[in-house]
Amino acid sequence: MATPAELAFERTALGPDQLAHLQRLLGTWGILADLSFSDLVLLAPMAAPADQVPEEGQVLVVLGQMRPSNSATVVQHDLMGETVGASDWPLVVDAYRSGEVSRGEMQIDAGDEPVRLQCIPVRFEGEVAAVLARMSAGTGRRPGHLERTYRDVFDRFAVMVEEGTFPFPGEEVATEEAPRVGDGIVLVDEEGRVRFASPNATNALHRMGMYSQLEGRRLYDLGVEESAIEWALASALPVVEEVERRPDVIVLLHCIPLLAGGDVTGCLVLLRDVTDVRRLDRLLLSKDAAIREVHHRVKNNLQTISALLRLQARRLPPGVGRIALFEAERRVRSIAIVHEILSREPGEQVPFDEIVTSLVRMAEDSVVSGAPIGFSVHGELGDVPADVATPLAVALAELLQNAVEHAFAAQVDEELDRPDRLAEAGAVTVRTGGHVDVRLGVAGYPGEDRLRVEVVDDGAGLPAEFDFDTTQSLGLSIVRDLVRTQLAGSIDMCDRSRDDPPACGTRVVIDLPAHDPHETRV
């Protein structure tokens, strides 16, 4: 199903400004549907072929449809995208051609009762851009005072639509928490005095401690801040404001000025008690702060452990034990990077590209040589679940360090089967330069995305007898178990000459699900 904007672009000749005006109307007309207790349909003229004069066969297309939330609908099926002409909806075509409101009855479907139809031309900068059709049930019971008041207010909005003053220029589309007519309305005159308050509005004001008679009085006289109403009346523009009468009562006001002939004749105030919503917001904010603090403390603790391991390693003589402590310290540091990012942006998703940048910098810092190793990162993974980010970060850190240690070392310490290290810093002494590429990407389809990480170097390559599945290297064993067991992915490590001769070096490819493989998916 095409959106209203797509329908207007493809099937009408509306200009950008006209389309923006209609989009604002579609974003705010829920109020009109509730005030009128009616279905609303917005129709715009279709672009006529070059050989057709519009007056001879005007055709309109339905750009939008709104049902009331406080009464039954009279249009059971969806009209979006349908086209109508003078033979189908003559009142609509007549309102568009004449630029005047037309009223009457029409039968939507064969066998159904006729509905009352009010067609209101929608003007923008003096020209009719569309028609707003109001459809309501036929005459029945006599409406009460509340219904009559609501419909009178709708008629005032209809005049504004016809004059081109509603919707207001620059008005934002209402959010989910914006008050609706059913939440309560207060109608004030041009002097700010209350002329009508619905039962729900009266209840909201009672919760604010106002029990006096409302009609004929200003809210300020009753002890309620009314700056929003005053500003709406003075500026002839809508105003949204929260009023906190007591620490435990918060009411959201949406003040909409009512205009006639360019003059402000009153204001419609929509009220909604948002006390519970704000209480939940505060709880969520405190929860987010608590989560950030937890990640911050975890990061600090991991950094403390990392520092202790580094201090302990420096007290040991060069050998296997010292190297093991330096490697453990680096692994702890790679986990701390994830928690550092989570401490800034709490949530279930982690921007993994920031982690990659930190891991590459950490690998660069471990190299001390006159012929340094270059690193580059291509592509991106975007946001990754936190439960995936931590083991993937550890695995990537191991692969980068493995490339630094083994790909470019011209001489190997036979006793340790590793490159020589600087005694104090634990950095790798590299005797030849080279380059390491980190390639990131997301494949698959929505809901089943897969992450792909490649680490490619142009170093010496793998020994002829190397087998990734049986290697006893602790670092590669950690990577293999993390990817295959914890991340439910696959990993392949091969000599580049196997797939891309005559290139030299090593390629490691990791493929894994984008979601946590251990979570329950519906």
Protein backbone atom coordinates (compact mmCIF):
# COMPACT_ATOMS: atom_id res chain seq x y z
CA MET A 1 0.00 0.00 0.00
CA ALA A 2 1.39 3.38 -1.04
CA THR A 3 1.73 6.17 1.51
CA PRO A 4 -0.19 9.44 1.09
CA ALA A 5 3.01 11.14 -0.05
CA GLU A 6 3.64 8.43 -2.65
CA LEU A 7 0.05 8.63 -3.92
CA ALA A 8 0.25 12.41 -4.18
CA PHE A 9 3.58 12.29 -5.99
CA GLU A 10 2.57 9.57 -8.45
CA ARG A 11 -1.05 10.47 -9.19
CA THR A 12 -1.55 14.19 -8.57
CA ALA A 13 0.01 17.46 -9.68
CA LEU A 14 0.38 18.86 -6.15
CA GLY A 15 3.39 21.08 -5.56
CA PRO A 16 5.81 20.51 -2.66
CA ASP A 17 4.22 23.26 -0.52
CA GLN A 18 0.69 21.98 -1.15
CA LEU A 19 1.77 18.45 -0.32
CA ALA A 20 3.41 19.62 2.92
CA HIS A 21 0.16 21.38 3.90
CA LEU A 22 -1.86 18.21 3.29
CA GLN A 23 0.69 16.15 5.20
CA ARG A 24 0.25 18.45 8.20
CA LEU A 25 -3.51 18.02 7.91
CA LEU A 26 -3.15 14.23 7.86
CA GLY A 27 -0.96 14.44 10.94
CA THR A 28 -3.46 16.45 13.00
CA TRP A 29 -6.92 15.50 11.73
CA GLY A 30 -7.52 12.87 14.39
CA ILE A 31 -8.84 15.78 16.46
CA LEU A 32 -11.33 16.65 13.71
CA ALA A 33 -12.59 13.06 13.44
CA ASP A 34 -13.21 12.87 17.19
CA LEU A 35 -14.88 16.29 17.37
CA SER A 36 -17.24 15.44 14.50
CA PHE A 37 -17.86 11.80 15.53
CA SER A 38 -17.36 11.04 11.86
CA ASP A 39 -15.12 9.34 9.34
CA LEU A 40 -12.88 11.71 7.39
CA VAL A 41 -11.52 11.18 3.88
CA LEU A 42 -9.02 13.43 2.11
CA LEU A 43 -9.23 13.57 -1.69
CA ALA A 44 -6.99 15.40 -4.15
CA PRO A 45 -7.43 15.85 -7.92
CA MET A 46 -5.55 13.46 -10.13
CA ALA A 47 -3.21 14.89 -12.71
CA ALA A 48 -5.25 15.15 -15.91
CA PRO A 49 -3.84 13.90 -19.22
CA ALA A 50 -2.70 16.58 -21.63
CA ASP A 51 -5.71 15.96 -23.91
CA GLN A 52 -8.32 16.14 -21.11
CA VAL A 53 -9.83 19.28 -19.63
CA PRO A 54 -10.29 18.77 -15.86
CA GLU A 55 -13.77 20.34 -15.77
CA GLU A 56 -15.07 17.77 -18.24
CA GLY A 57 -14.14 14.74 -16.21
CA GLN A 58 -12.61 15.60 -12.85
CA VAL A 59 -11.22 12.55 -11.02
CA LEU A 60 -9.97 12.59 -7.43
CA VAL A 61 -7.84 10.09 -5.55
CA VAL A 62 -8.18 9.26 -1.84
CA LEU A 63 -4.95 10.28 -0.05
CA GLY A 64 -6.01 9.48 3.50
CA GLN A 65 -8.74 8.13 5.73
CA MET A 66 -9.33 8.69 9.46
CA ARG A 67 -11.85 6.96 11.72
CA PRO A 68 -13.08 8.48 15.00
CA SER A 69 -11.92 6.94 18.27
CA ASN A 70 -15.12 7.86 20.14
CA SER A 71 -17.85 6.52 17.85
CA ALA A 72 -18.61 3.80 15.32
CA THR A 73 -17.24 4.08 11.81
CA VAL A 74 -19.58 4.34 8.83
CA VAL A 75 -16.95 3.30 6.26
CA GLN A 76 -16.04 -0.32 6.86
CA HIS A 77 -13.44 -0.80 4.12
CA ASP A 78 -10.23 1.04 3.34
CA LEU A 79 -10.58 3.73 0.66
CA MET A 80 -6.87 4.66 0.41
CA GLY A 81 -5.78 4.89 -3.21
CA GLU A 82 -9.30 4.64 -4.70
CA THR A 83 -10.32 7.08 -7.40
CA VAL A 84 -13.74 8.75 -7.63
CA GLY A 85 -15.43 10.95 -10.21
CA ALA A 86 -18.50 13.12 -10.56
CA SER A 87 -20.71 10.08 -11.13
CA ASP A 88 -19.48 8.42 -7.91
CA TRP A 89 -19.13 11.28 -5.43
CA PRO A 90 -20.71 14.34 -7.08
CA LEU A 91 -20.69 16.40 -3.87
CA VAL A 92 -16.91 16.03 -3.53
CA VAL A 93 -16.27 17.06 -7.13
CA ASP A 94 -18.68 19.98 -6.74
CA ALA A 95 -16.84 21.20 -3.60
CA TYR A 96 -13.52 21.07 -5.42
CA ARG A 97 -14.80 22.89 -8.49
CA SER A 98 -16.77 25.58 -6.66
CA GLY A 99 -14.47 26.03 -3.67
CA GLU A 100 -17.50 26.03 -1.37
CA VAL A 101 -18.78 23.58 1.23
CA SER A 102 -21.34 21.12 -0.11
CA ARG A 103 -23.67 18.93 1.94
CA GLY A 104 -25.93 16.01 1.18
CA GLU A 105 -26.27 12.26 1.40
CA MET A 106 -24.64 9.42 -0.50
CA GLN A 107 -24.63 5.64 -0.50
CA ILE A 108 -21.13 4.18 -0.19
CA ASP A 109 -21.99 0.53 -0.82
CA ALA A 110 -25.05 -0.96 -2.43
CA GLY A 111 -27.57 -2.07 0.20
CA ASP A 112 -26.12 0.13 2.96
CA GLU A 113 -27.90 3.03 4.58
CA PRO A 114 -27.06 6.44 3.10
CA VAL A 115 -24.55 8.51 5.07
CA ARG A 116 -24.50 12.25 5.56
CA LEU A 117 -21.69 13.91 3.66
CA GLN A 118 -20.06 17.28 4.25
CA CYS A 119 -17.38 18.24 1.73
CA ILE A 120 -14.98 20.98 2.81
CA PRO A 121 -12.50 22.47 0.32
CA VAL A 122 -8.95 22.51 1.66
CA ARG A 123 -7.27 25.76 0.68
CA PHE A 124 -3.60 26.58 0.58
CA GLU A 125 -2.50 30.11 -0.30
CA GLY A 126 -5.96 30.87 -1.68
CA GLU A 127 -6.23 27.85 -3.99
CA VAL A 128 -8.20 24.65 -3.41
CA ALA A 129 -5.68 21.82 -3.10
CA ALA A 130 -7.98 19.02 -1.91
CA VAL A 131 -11.34 18.20 -0.37
CA LEU A 132 -11.99 16.98 3.17
CA ALA A 133 -15.07 14.73 3.18
CA ARG A 134 -16.83 14.15 6.50
CA MET A 135 -19.05 11.05 6.60
CA SER A 136 -21.46 10.48 9.47
CA ALA A 137 -24.42 8.26 10.17
CA GLY A 138 -27.91 9.41 9.32
CA THR A 139 -30.19 11.15 11.79
CA GLY A 140 -30.96 9.12 14.90
CA ARG A 141 -31.29 10.07 18.52
CA ARG A 142 -31.07 13.70 19.51
CA PRO A 143 -27.43 14.59 20.39
CA GLY A 144 -26.62 15.75 23.92
CA HIS A 145 -24.91 18.95 25.02
CA LEU A 146 -21.42 17.44 24.76
CA GLU A 147 -21.95 16.16 21.21
CA ARG A 148 -23.45 19.46 20.07
CA THR A 149 -20.51 21.38 21.53
CA TYR A 150 -17.99 19.06 19.88
CA ARG A 151 -19.66 19.42 16.49
CA ASP A 152 -19.84 23.20 16.85
CA VAL A 153 -16.08 23.21 17.47
CA PHE A 154 -15.60 21.00 14.40
CA ASP A 155 -17.57 23.52 12.33
CA ARG A 156 -15.16 26.22 13.50
CA PHE A 157 -12.23 24.06 12.41
CA ALA A 158 -14.00 23.43 9.08
CA VAL A 159 -14.06 27.20 8.48
CA MET A 160 -10.32 27.31 9.22
CA VAL A 161 -9.66 24.47 6.76
CA GLU A 162 -11.72 26.26 4.12
CA GLU A 163 -9.86 29.52 4.75
CA GLY A 164 -6.47 27.78 4.67
CA THR A 165 -5.54 28.62 8.29
CA PHE A 166 -5.66 25.00 9.50
CA PRO A 167 -3.42 23.10 9.81
CA PHE A 168 -1.00 25.73 11.09
CA PRO A 169 2.23 26.32 9.16
CA GLY A 170 5.12 24.44 10.69
CA GLU A 171 2.91 22.48 13.08
CA GLU A 172 4.53 19.19 14.09
CA VAL A 173 2.75 15.86 13.77
CA ALA A 174 1.19 14.79 17.06
CA THR A 175 3.11 12.20 19.07
CA GLU A 176 1.64 9.14 20.75
CA GLU A 177 1.39 10.88 24.11
CA ALA A 178 -0.29 13.99 22.67
CA PRO A 179 -3.77 14.48 24.17
CA ARG A 180 -6.79 13.42 22.13
CA VAL A 181 -10.34 14.71 22.30
CA GLY A 182 -11.35 11.73 24.44
CA ASP A 183 -8.79 12.72 27.10
CA GLY A 184 -10.70 15.92 27.75
CA ILE A 185 -11.22 19.36 26.21
CA VAL A 186 -11.69 22.85 27.58
CA LEU A 187 -13.13 25.53 25.28
CA VAL A 188 -12.17 29.12 26.10
CA ASP A 189 -13.20 32.37 24.44
CA GLU A 190 -10.93 35.07 23.04
CA GLU A 191 -10.45 36.48 26.56
CA GLY A 192 -9.35 33.12 27.97
CA ARG A 193 -12.57 32.44 29.93
CA VAL A 194 -13.82 28.87 30.08
CA ARG A 195 -16.99 28.28 28.08
CA PHE A 196 -17.09 24.49 28.21
CA ALA A 197 -15.20 21.66 29.92
CA SER A 198 -15.81 18.00 29.10
CA PRO A 199 -16.26 15.50 31.95
CA ASN A 200 -12.77 14.01 31.42
CA ALA A 201 -11.24 17.49 31.44
CA THR A 202 -13.10 18.30 34.65
CA ASN A 203 -11.72 15.12 36.24
CA ALA A 204 -8.17 16.08 35.23
CA LEU A 205 -8.64 19.55 36.74
CA HIS A 206 -10.05 18.00 39.90
CA ARG A 207 -6.87 15.96 40.26
CA MET A 208 -5.01 19.26 40.07
CA GLY A 209 -7.03 20.52 43.06
CA MET A 210 -9.57 22.64 41.15
CA TYR A 211 -13.11 22.05 42.41
CA SER A 212 -14.68 25.46 41.75
CA GLN A 213 -17.14 26.23 39.00
CA LEU A 214 -15.20 26.51 35.73
CA GLU A 215 -17.48 28.16 33.20
CA GLY A 216 -17.06 31.90 32.93
CA ARG A 217 -13.76 31.95 34.82
CA ARG A 218 -10.13 31.93 33.77
CA LEU A 219 -7.87 29.07 34.78
CA TYR A 220 -5.44 31.59 36.26
CA ASP A 221 -8.15 32.70 38.71
CA LEU A 222 -8.43 29.07 39.82
CA GLY A 223 -4.69 28.77 40.51
CA VAL A 224 -3.58 27.04 37.28
CA GLU A 225 -0.76 28.38 35.11
CA GLU A 226 -2.28 29.47 31.80
CA SER A 227 0.70 30.93 29.96
CA ALA A 228 0.20 28.36 27.17
CA ILE A 229 -3.37 29.54 26.60
CA GLU A 230 -2.34 33.19 26.67
CA TRP A 231 0.45 32.58 24.17
CA ALA A 232 -1.86 30.59 21.83
CA LEU A 233 -4.43 33.42 21.89
CA ALA A 234 -1.79 36.10 21.36
CA SER A 235 0.25 34.37 18.63
CA ALA A 236 -2.59 32.50 16.86
CA LEU A 237 -0.35 29.41 16.91
CA PRO A 238 -0.73 26.10 18.77
CA VAL A 239 1.20 25.66 22.02
CA VAL A 240 2.03 22.48 23.95
CA GLU A 241 2.98 22.72 27.62
CA GLU A 242 3.08 20.58 30.74
CA VAL A 243 1.55 21.95 33.91
CA GLU A 244 2.63 20.50 37.25
CA ARG A 245 0.06 21.53 39.80
CA ARG A 246 1.42 19.30 42.54
CA PRO A 247 4.53 17.13 42.71
CA ASP A 248 2.36 14.12 41.93
CA VAL A 249 0.04 15.56 39.25
CA ILE A 250 1.24 16.53 35.75
CA VAL A 251 -1.19 17.54 32.98
CA LEU A 252 -0.23 18.02 29.32
CA LEU A 253 -1.98 20.93 27.58
CA HIS A 254 -2.33 21.27 23.81
CA CYS A 255 -3.76 24.71 23.09
CA ILE A 256 -5.12 25.23 19.57
CA PRO A 257 -6.35 28.73 18.66
CA LEU A 258 -9.65 28.98 16.79
CA LEU A 259 -9.67 31.51 13.95
CA ALA A 260 -12.32 33.12 11.79
CA GLY A 261 -11.46 35.63 9.09
CA GLY A 262 -7.92 35.83 10.45
CA ASP A 263 -9.07 36.82 13.97
CA VAL A 264 -8.68 34.64 17.07
CA THR A 265 -12.14 33.76 18.39
CA GLY A 266 -11.14 31.33 21.12
CA CYS A 267 -8.98 28.38 21.93
CA LEU A 268 -9.48 24.64 22.17
CA VAL A 269 -7.44 23.13 25.01
CA LEU A 270 -6.84 19.39 24.97
CA LEU A 271 -5.85 17.99 28.37
CA ARG A 272 -4.23 14.72 29.28
CA ASP A 273 -3.14 13.54 32.71
CA VAL A 274 0.40 12.27 32.05
CA THR A 275 1.35 11.72 35.70
CA ASP A 276 1.78 7.96 35.27
CA VAL A 277 3.64 8.43 31.97
CA ARG A 278 6.12 10.86 33.53
CA ARG A 279 6.57 8.59 36.54
CA LEU A 280 7.48 5.75 34.19
CA ASP A 281 9.82 8.08 32.27
CA ARG A 282 11.61 8.95 35.49
CA LEU A 283 11.88 5.28 36.42
CA LEU A 284 13.34 4.52 32.99
CA LEU A 285 15.82 7.38 33.31
CA SER A 286 16.91 6.15 36.73
CA LYS A 287 17.14 2.61 35.35
CA ASP A 288 19.29 3.80 32.43
CA ALA A 289 21.50 5.70 34.85
CA ALA A 290 21.83 2.58 37.02
CA ILE A 291 22.73 0.44 33.99
CA ARG A 292 25.33 2.98 32.86
CA GLU A 293 26.79 3.04 36.36
CA VAL A 294 27.00 -0.78 36.44
CA HIS A 295 28.85 -0.89 33.11
CA HIS A 296 31.10 1.95 34.27
CA ARG A 297 32.02 0.05 37.42
CA VAL A 298 32.57 -3.18 35.50
CA LYS A 299 34.85 -1.29 33.12
CA ASN A 300 36.78 0.21 36.05
CA ASN A 301 37.13 -3.18 37.70
CA LEU A 302 38.37 -4.75 34.47
CA GLN A 303 40.88 -1.94 34.03
CA THR A 304 42.06 -2.53 37.61
CA ILE A 305 42.49 -6.24 36.88
CA SER A 306 44.33 -5.35 33.67
CA ALA A 307 46.70 -3.05 35.57
CA LEU A 308 47.36 -5.72 38.22
CA LEU A 309 48.17 -8.30 35.55
CA ARG A 310 50.50 -5.86 33.82
CA LEU A 311 52.30 -5.05 37.10
CA GLN A 312 52.63 -8.73 37.94
CA ALA A 313 54.00 -9.51 34.47
CA ARG A 314 56.69 -6.88 34.80
CA ARG A 315 57.92 -8.49 38.02
CA LEU A 316 58.50 -11.80 36.25
CA PRO A 317 61.64 -12.61 34.26
CA PRO A 318 61.24 -12.97 30.48
CA GLY A 319 59.63 -16.30 29.69
CA VAL A 320 56.38 -18.18 29.28
CA GLY A 321 54.78 -16.86 32.47
CA ARG A 322 55.40 -13.25 31.59
CA ILE A 323 53.99 -13.66 28.10
CA ALA A 324 50.89 -15.43 29.46
CA LEU A 325 50.15 -12.55 31.87
CA PHE A 326 50.57 -9.96 29.11
CA GLU A 327 48.14 -11.90 26.90
CA ALA A 328 45.61 -12.24 29.73
CA GLU A 329 45.90 -8.49 30.37
CA ARG A 330 45.18 -7.75 26.70
CA ARG A 331 42.10 -10.01 26.70
CA VAL A 332 40.71 -8.35 29.79
CA ARG A 333 41.32 -4.94 28.17
CA SER A 334 39.34 -5.93 25.04
CA ILE A 335 36.34 -6.85 27.25
CA ALA A 336 36.68 -3.54 29.10
CA ILE A 337 36.32 -1.69 25.79
CA VAL A 338 32.80 -3.13 25.32
CA HIS A 339 31.71 -2.09 28.82
CA GLU A 340 33.19 1.37 28.30
CA ILE A 341 30.90 1.91 25.29
CA LEU A 342 27.91 0.42 27.15
CA SER A 343 28.54 2.85 30.00
CA ARG A 344 27.97 5.70 27.52
CA GLU A 345 25.08 4.16 25.57
CA PRO A 346 23.13 1.69 27.71
CA GLY A 347 20.96 -0.78 25.88
CA GLU A 348 20.93 -4.17 24.27
CA GLN A 349 22.72 -2.96 21.13
CA VAL A 350 26.35 -1.84 20.92
CA PRO A 351 27.89 0.24 18.08
CA PHE A 352 30.50 -2.37 17.20
CA ASP A 353 32.37 -0.13 14.77
CA GLU A 354 33.57 1.94 17.74
CA ILE A 355 34.87 -1.25 19.36
CA VAL A 356 36.77 -2.17 16.18
CA THR A 357 38.46 1.24 16.17
CA SER A 358 39.62 0.74 19.77
CA LEU A 359 40.82 -2.82 19.08
CA VAL A 360 42.83 -1.70 16.06
CA ARG A 361 44.40 1.09 18.09
CA MET A 362 45.28 -1.42 20.80
CA ALA A 363 46.96 -3.67 18.22
CA GLU A 364 48.88 -0.71 16.79
CA ASP A 365 50.13 0.21 20.27
CA SER A 366 51.56 -3.28 20.74
CA VAL A 367 53.95 -2.86 17.79
CA VAL A 368 57.39 -1.31 18.31
CA SER A 369 59.45 -1.33 15.12
CA GLY A 370 61.22 0.84 12.61
CA ALA A 371 59.00 -0.79 9.94
CA PRO A 372 55.51 -0.47 11.45
CA ILE A 373 52.44 -2.46 10.49
CA GLY A 374 49.62 -0.56 8.80
CA PHE A 375 45.96 -1.21 9.69
CA SER A 376 42.81 -0.37 7.75
CA VAL A 377 39.13 -1.02 8.36
CA HIS A 378 36.59 -1.43 5.54
CA GLY A 379 32.81 -1.66 5.90
CA GLU A 380 30.78 -1.65 9.10
CA LEU A 381 28.64 -3.93 11.26
CA GLY A 382 26.44 -1.25 12.85
CA ASP A 383 24.73 -2.07 16.13
CA VAL A 384 25.37 -5.55 17.52
CA PRO A 385 23.68 -7.21 20.54
CA ALA A 386 25.78 -6.78 23.67
CA ASP A 387 25.92 -10.55 24.21
CA VAL A 388 27.46 -10.90 20.74
CA ALA A 389 29.75 -7.87 20.97
CA THR A 390 31.81 -9.08 23.95
CA PRO A 391 32.96 -12.48 22.62
CA LEU A 392 33.33 -11.08 19.10
CA ALA A 393 35.55 -8.28 20.44
CA VAL A 394 37.76 -10.80 22.25
CA ALA A 395 38.01 -12.94 19.10
CA LEU A 396 38.88 -9.97 16.88
CA ALA A 397 41.50 -8.74 19.36
CA GLU A 398 43.13 -12.20 19.31
CA LEU A 399 43.21 -12.30 15.51
CA LEU A 400 44.74 -8.83 15.25
CA GLN A 401 47.38 -9.69 17.82
CA ASN A 402 48.05 -13.01 16.08
CA ALA A 403 48.69 -11.14 12.81
CA VAL A 404 51.02 -8.72 14.55
CA GLU A 405 52.98 -11.48 16.27
CA HIS A 406 53.29 -14.09 13.54
CA ALA A 407 52.69 -12.59 10.09
CA PHE A 408 55.64 -10.22 9.93
CA ALA A 409 58.27 -11.67 12.31
CA ALA A 410 61.50 -12.58 10.50
CA GLN A 411 62.94 -14.42 13.45
CA VAL A 412 61.25 -16.66 16.03
CA ASP A 413 62.41 -17.51 19.51
CA GLU A 414 62.82 -21.27 19.30
CA GLU A 415 62.27 -21.88 23.00
CA LEU A 416 58.93 -20.03 23.18
CA ASP A 417 57.92 -20.54 19.55
CA ARG A 418 56.99 -16.82 19.48
CA PRO A 419 58.53 -13.54 18.26
CA ASP A 420 60.86 -11.75 20.66
CA ARG A 421 59.15 -9.19 22.93
CA LEU A 422 60.37 -6.06 24.52
CA ALA A 423 61.25 -6.90 28.10
CA GLU A 424 59.33 -4.18 29.88
CA ALA A 425 56.40 -3.21 27.64
CA GLY A 426 55.49 -6.65 26.36
CA ALA A 427 55.23 -5.29 22.82
CA VAL A 428 56.05 -7.36 19.78
CA THR A 429 59.34 -6.66 17.99
CA VAL A 430 58.55 -6.71 14.27
CA ARG A 431 61.47 -6.94 11.86
CA THR A 432 59.53 -6.44 8.63
CA GLY A 433 56.65 -4.11 7.78
CA GLY A 434 53.27 -5.10 6.43
CA HIS A 435 49.54 -4.38 6.34
CA VAL A 436 46.45 -5.82 8.04
CA ASP A 437 42.96 -5.30 6.64
CA VAL A 438 39.80 -5.66 8.76
CA ARG A 439 36.73 -6.13 6.56
CA LEU A 440 33.25 -5.89 8.06
CA GLY A 441 29.86 -6.55 6.50
CA VAL A 442 26.26 -7.63 7.08
CA ALA A 443 24.62 -10.17 4.77
CA GLY A 444 21.41 -12.19 4.72
CA TYR A 445 17.93 -10.68 4.90
CA PRO A 446 15.94 -8.79 7.61
CA GLY A 447 15.36 -10.95 10.65
CA GLU A 448 18.14 -13.36 9.63
CA ASP A 449 21.08 -11.02 9.17
CA ARG A 450 24.55 -12.50 9.45
CA LEU A 451 27.74 -10.72 10.42
CA ARG A 452 30.94 -11.25 8.46
CA VAL A 453 34.36 -10.28 9.78
CA GLU A 454 37.59 -10.79 7.84
CA VAL A 455 41.15 -10.22 9.02
CA VAL A 456 43.59 -10.29 6.10
CA ASP A 457 47.33 -9.69 6.23
CA ASP A 458 50.08 -9.72 3.60
CA GLY A 459 52.65 -11.45 5.79
CA ALA A 460 54.46 -14.76 5.61
CA GLY A 461 51.35 -16.93 5.48
CA LEU A 462 50.67 -20.22 7.29
CA PRO A 463 53.00 -23.16 7.70
CA ALA A 464 52.33 -26.07 5.33
CA GLU A 465 51.32 -28.38 8.19
CA PHE A 466 49.01 -25.83 9.90
CA ASP A 467 45.51 -27.09 10.81
CA PHE A 468 43.18 -24.57 12.46
CA ASP A 469 40.91 -27.27 13.94
CA THR A 470 43.77 -28.99 15.79
CA THR A 471 46.10 -26.10 16.60
CA GLN A 472 47.26 -25.95 20.22
CA SER A 473 47.75 -22.19 20.20
CA LEU A 474 45.84 -20.79 23.19
CA GLY A 475 44.82 -17.60 21.38
CA LEU A 476 43.48 -19.39 18.31
CA SER A 477 41.78 -22.01 20.50
CA ILE A 478 39.98 -19.20 22.34
CA VAL A 479 38.87 -17.69 19.03
CA ARG A 480 37.70 -21.05 17.69
CA ASP A 481 35.65 -21.85 20.80
CA LEU A 482 34.13 -18.37 21.08
CA VAL A 483 32.98 -18.28 17.46
CA ARG A 484 31.74 -21.84 17.13
CA THR A 485 30.35 -22.46 20.61
CA GLN A 486 29.30 -19.13 22.11
CA LEU A 487 28.39 -17.30 18.90
CA ALA A 488 27.13 -20.33 16.91
CA GLY A 489 29.14 -19.17 13.90
CA SER A 490 31.81 -20.50 11.59
CA ILE A 491 35.47 -19.56 11.19
CA ASP A 492 38.00 -20.39 8.52
CA MET A 493 41.73 -19.58 8.56
CA CYS A 494 43.71 -20.19 5.40
CA ASP A 495 46.73 -19.10 3.39
CA ARG A 496 45.78 -16.38 0.88
CA SER A 497 47.73 -18.17 -1.85
CA ARG A 498 45.12 -20.93 -1.73
CA ASP A 499 42.24 -18.68 -2.87
CA ASP A 500 43.99 -15.69 -4.36
CA PRO A 501 47.34 -16.64 -5.95
CA PRO A 502 49.91 -15.18 -6.12
CA ALA A 503 48.91 -13.12 -3.05
CA CYS A 504 50.71 -13.96 0.16
CA GLY A 505 49.58 -13.77 3.73
CA THR A 506 46.71 -15.14 5.80
CA ARG A 507 42.94 -14.67 5.66
CA VAL A 508 40.58 -15.37 8.58
CA VAL A 509 36.85 -15.29 7.89
CA ILE A 510 34.22 -15.27 10.66
CA ASP A 511 30.51 -15.73 9.85
CA LEU A 512 27.89 -15.65 12.61
CA PRO A 513 24.23 -14.74 13.28
CA ALA A 514 23.57 -11.06 13.95
CA HIS A 515 21.43 -11.95 16.99
CA ASP A 516 22.34 -13.70 20.21
CA PRO A 517 22.10 -17.41 19.28
CA HIS A 518 21.01 -18.32 22.81
CA GLU A 519 18.04 -15.95 23.03
CA THR A 520 14.47 -17.16 22.49
CA ARG A 521 13.15 -15.89 19.15
CA VAL A 522 9.46 -15.81 18.33
